[in-house]
Amino acid sequence: MEEMRSMILFVIINALAISCYLLGKENPKRKKGKNEKK
């Protein structure tokens, strides 16, 4: 049970880190078209 919990935490932290990295990578491109958002 303890192993499962740490495994899930590890996956969640990794997913957050990857999404933050991807968002940070796309940020410079989106800054120009931010005002043209819906």
PDB file of N, CA and C in Angstrom:
ATOM      1  N   MET A   1       0.842  -1.208   0.000  1.00  0.00           N
ATOM      2  CA  MET A   1       0.000   0.000   0.000  1.00  0.00           C
ATOM      3  C   MET A   1       0.878   1.260   0.000  1.00  0.00           C
ATOM      4  N   GLU A   2       1.891   1.261   0.868  1.00  0.00           N
ATOM      5  CA  GLU A   2       2.792   2.422   0.949  1.00  0.00           C
ATOM      6  C   GLU A   2       3.533   2.613  -0.368  1.00  0.00           C
ATOM      7  N   GLU A   3       3.905   1.495  -0.996  1.00  0.00           N
ATOM      8  CA  GLU A   3       4.627   1.560  -2.272  1.00  0.00           C
ATOM      9  C   GLU A   3       3.739   2.177  -3.355  1.00  0.00           C
ATOM     10  N   MET A   4       2.471   1.792  -3.343  1.00  0.00           N
ATOM     11  CA  MET A   4       1.515   2.293  -4.336  1.00  0.00           C
ATOM     12  C   MET A   4       1.364   3.808  -4.192  1.00  0.00           C
ATOM     13  N   ARG A   5       1.269   4.260  -2.956  1.00  0.00           N
ATOM     14  CA  ARG A   5       1.075   5.693  -2.700  1.00  0.00           C
ATOM     15  C   ARG A   5       2.270   6.499  -3.202  1.00  0.00           C
ATOM     16  N   SER A   6       3.475   6.024  -2.909  1.00  0.00           N
ATOM     17  CA  SER A   6       4.674   6.753  -3.350  1.00  0.00           C
ATOM     18  C   SER A   6       4.773   6.726  -4.873  1.00  0.00           C
ATOM     19  N   MET A   7       4.349   5.629  -5.479  1.00  0.00           N
ATOM     20  CA  MET A   7       4.389   5.504  -6.940  1.00  0.00           C
ATOM     21  C   MET A   7       3.445   6.537  -7.569  1.00  0.00           C
ATOM     22  N   ILE A   8       2.238   6.659  -7.036  1.00  0.00           N
ATOM     23  CA  ILE A   8       1.253   7.619  -7.559  1.00  0.00           C
ATOM     24  C   ILE A   8       1.772   9.041  -7.385  1.00  0.00           C
ATOM     25  N   LEU A   9       2.353   9.343  -6.234  1.00  0.00           N
ATOM     26  CA  LEU A   9       2.915  10.676  -5.975  1.00  0.00           C
ATOM     27  C   LEU A   9       3.998  10.976  -6.988  1.00  0.00           C
ATOM     28  N   PHE A  10       4.861   9.988  -7.246  1.00  0.00           N
ATOM     29  CA  PHE A  10       5.965  10.152  -8.200  1.00  0.00           C
ATOM     30  C   PHE A  10       5.427  10.479  -9.584  1.00  0.00           C
ATOM     31  N   VAL A  11       4.387   9.764  -9.996  1.00  0.00           N
ATOM     32  CA  VAL A  11       3.795   9.983 -11.322  1.00  0.00           C
ATOM     33  C   VAL A  11       3.165  11.375 -11.407  1.00  0.00           C
ATOM     34  N   ILE A  12       2.456  11.772 -10.360  1.00  0.00           N
ATOM     35  CA  ILE A  12       1.796  13.087 -10.355  1.00  0.00           C
ATOM     36  C   ILE A  12       2.831  14.202 -10.428  1.00  0.00           C
ATOM     37  N   ILE A  13       3.905  14.081  -9.640  1.00  0.00           N
ATOM     38  CA  ILE A  13       4.958  15.112  -9.632  1.00  0.00           C
ATOM     39  C   ILE A  13       5.612  15.187 -11.008  1.00  0.00           C
ATOM     40  N   ASN A  14       5.855  14.038 -11.616  1.00  0.00           N
ATOM     41  CA  ASN A  14       6.464  14.013 -12.951  1.00  0.00           C
ATOM     42  C   ASN A  14       5.547  14.672 -13.973  1.00  0.00           C
ATOM     43  N   ALA A  15       4.256  14.367 -13.911  1.00  0.00           N
ATOM     44  CA  ALA A  15       3.297  14.950 -14.853  1.00  0.00           C
ATOM     45  C   ALA A  15       3.259  16.467 -14.697  1.00  0.00           C
ATOM     46  N   LEU A  16       3.271  16.942 -13.456  1.00  0.00           N
ATOM     47  CA  LEU A  16       3.254  18.390 -13.201  1.00  0.00           C
ATOM     48  C   LEU A  16       4.519  19.039 -13.744  1.00  0.00           C
ATOM     49  N   ALA A  17       5.656  18.394 -13.516  1.00  0.00           N
ATOM     50  CA  ALA A  17       6.931  18.949 -13.978  1.00  0.00           C
ATOM     51  C   ALA A  17       6.956  19.022 -15.502  1.00  0.00           C
ATOM     52  N   ILE A  18       6.477  17.977 -16.164  1.00  0.00           N
ATOM     53  CA  ILE A  18       6.473  17.947 -17.634  1.00  0.00           C
ATOM     54  C   ILE A  18       5.525  19.006 -18.183  1.00  0.00           C
ATOM     55  N   SER A  19       4.339  19.121 -17.603  1.00  0.00           N
ATOM     56  CA  SER A  19       3.371  20.120 -18.091  1.00  0.00           C
ATOM     57  C   SER A  19       3.903  21.530 -17.868  1.00  0.00           C
ATOM     58  N   CYS A  20       4.550  21.757 -16.728  1.00  0.00           N
ATOM     59  CA  CYS A  20       5.126  23.087 -16.452  1.00  0.00           C
ATOM     60  C   CYS A  20       6.222  23.384 -17.465  1.00  0.00           C
ATOM     61  N   TYR A  21       7.031  22.373 -17.787  1.00  0.00           N
ATOM     62  CA  TYR A  21       8.118  22.548 -18.754  1.00  0.00           C
ATOM     63  C   TYR A  21       7.561  22.875 -20.135  1.00  0.00           C
ATOM     64  N   LEU A  22       6.524  22.150 -20.534  1.00  0.00           N
ATOM     65  CA  LEU A  22       5.920  22.385 -21.851  1.00  0.00           C
ATOM     66  C   LEU A  22       5.258  23.758 -21.900  1.00  0.00           C
ATOM     67  N   LEU A  23       4.576  24.140 -20.826  1.00  0.00           N
ATOM     68  CA  LEU A  23       3.920  25.457 -20.782  1.00  0.00           C
ATOM     69  C   LEU A  23       4.962  26.562 -20.842  1.00  0.00           C
ATOM     70  N   GLY A  24       6.057  26.386 -20.130  1.00  0.00           N
ATOM     71  CA  GLY A  24       7.122  27.387 -20.133  1.00  0.00           C
ATOM     72  C   GLY A  24       7.764  27.487 -21.506  1.00  0.00           C
ATOM     73  N   LYS A  25       7.828  26.361 -22.216  1.00  0.00           N
ATOM     74  CA  LYS A  25       8.422  26.339 -23.555  1.00  0.00           C
ATOM     75  C   LYS A  25       7.528  27.088 -24.544  1.00  0.00           C
ATOM     76  N   GLU A  26       6.216  26.941 -24.389  1.00  0.00           N
ATOM     77  CA  GLU A  26       5.264  27.570 -25.320  1.00  0.00           C
ATOM     78  C   GLU A  26       4.966  29.019 -24.955  1.00  0.00           C
ATOM     79  N   ASN A  27       5.303  29.426 -23.754  1.00  0.00           N
ATOM     80  CA  ASN A  27       4.954  30.764 -23.273  1.00  0.00           C
ATOM     81  C   ASN A  27       5.407  31.890 -24.201  1.00  0.00           C
ATOM     82  N   PRO A  28       6.663  31.941 -24.631  1.00  0.00           N
ATOM     83  CA  PRO A  28       7.121  33.045 -25.499  1.00  0.00           C
ATOM     84  C   PRO A  28       6.294  33.165 -26.779  1.00  0.00           C
ATOM     85  N   LYS A  29       5.880  32.035 -27.339  1.00  0.00           N
ATOM     86  CA  LYS A  29       5.085  32.063 -28.577  1.00  0.00           C
ATOM     87  C   LYS A  29       3.686  32.616 -28.309  1.00  0.00           C
ATOM     88  N   ARG A  30       3.108  32.264 -27.183  1.00  0.00           N
ATOM     89  CA  ARG A  30       1.718  32.645 -26.892  1.00  0.00           C
ATOM     90  C   ARG A  30       1.601  34.079 -26.395  1.00  0.00           C
ATOM     91  N   LYS A  31       2.687  34.653 -25.928  1.00  0.00           N
ATOM     92  CA  LYS A  31       2.622  36.021 -25.389  1.00  0.00           C
ATOM     93  C   LYS A  31       2.179  37.011 -26.458  1.00  0.00           C
ATOM     94  N   LYS A  32       2.597  36.787 -27.700  1.00  0.00           N
ATOM     95  CA  LYS A  32       2.227  37.700 -28.798  1.00  0.00           C
ATOM     96  C   LYS A  32       0.729  37.633 -29.078  1.00  0.00           C
ATOM     97  N   GLY A  33       0.158  36.427 -29.080  1.00  0.00           N
ATOM     98  CA  GLY A  33      -1.258  36.268 -29.427  1.00  0.00           C
ATOM     99  C   GLY A  33      -2.158  36.208 -28.210  1.00  0.00           C
ATOM    100  N   LYS A  34      -1.664  36.672 -27.076  1.00  0.00           N
ATOM    101  CA  LYS A  34      -2.473  36.618 -25.858  1.00  0.00           C
ATOM    102  C   LYS A  34      -3.693  37.528 -25.964  1.00  0.00           C
ATOM    103  N   ASN A  35      -3.535  38.683 -26.579  1.00  0.00           N
ATOM    104  CA  ASN A  35      -4.641  39.639 -26.690  1.00  0.00           C
ATOM    105  C   ASN A  35      -5.690  39.168 -27.694  1.00  0.00           C
ATOM    106  N   GLU A  36      -5.304  38.281 -28.602  1.00  0.00           N
ATOM    107  CA  GLU A  36      -6.241  37.801 -29.621  1.00  0.00           C
ATOM    108  C   GLU A  36      -7.005  36.570 -29.155  1.00  0.00           C
ATOM    109  N   LYS A  37      -6.883  36.236 -27.855  1.00  0.00           N
ATOM    110  CA  LYS A  37      -7.572  35.067 -27.322  1.00  0.00           C
ATOM    111  C   LYS A  37      -9.086  35.276 -27.342  1.00  0.00           C
ATOM    112  N   LYS A  38      -9.844  34.169 -27.327  1.00  0.00           N
ATOM    113  CA  LYS A  38     -11.309  34.249 -27.381  1.00  0.00           C
ATOM    114  C   LYS A  38     -11.871  35.078 -26.229  1.00  0.00           C
TER     115      LYS A  38
END
